[in-house]
């Protein structure tokens, strides 16, 4: 019997990072001293601080490139309306772009002209295959 529990969507992306032993030891020391709860907490904080230190540059770049910041959800209804008008959608996101699970590869191919994501794209494997030449 199939499960009726909704699938939880991840709100973050896992990355792999290689660090030298000395840097790793310094991080562990700061964790041990109570400055951070764990290595991941330190790394997330360090990344946020770096992004904040370049905040003006990021803001100007987003404005210059007319990109959405944060979550961009593309629904079936939005794509159907575009198809009915004969228009194409060009998705450009810094953050997460998510294409609804009920969007068919045919509808996506007919209405999505390009996808540029700096972050993560959540879409079914079938959609990814159908749009492979439009994902940058």
Foldseek 3Di string as FASTA:
>chain_A
DDDPDDDDDDQADDDDDDDDPVVVVVLVVCCVVPVAVDSVRVVVVVVVVVCVVCVVVVVVVCVVVVAAEAEAEAEQVNLVVCVVVQAADEHHYEYEYEYDAPHALVSNLSHHQAHEYNHYYHDDPRNCVSCVVRYD
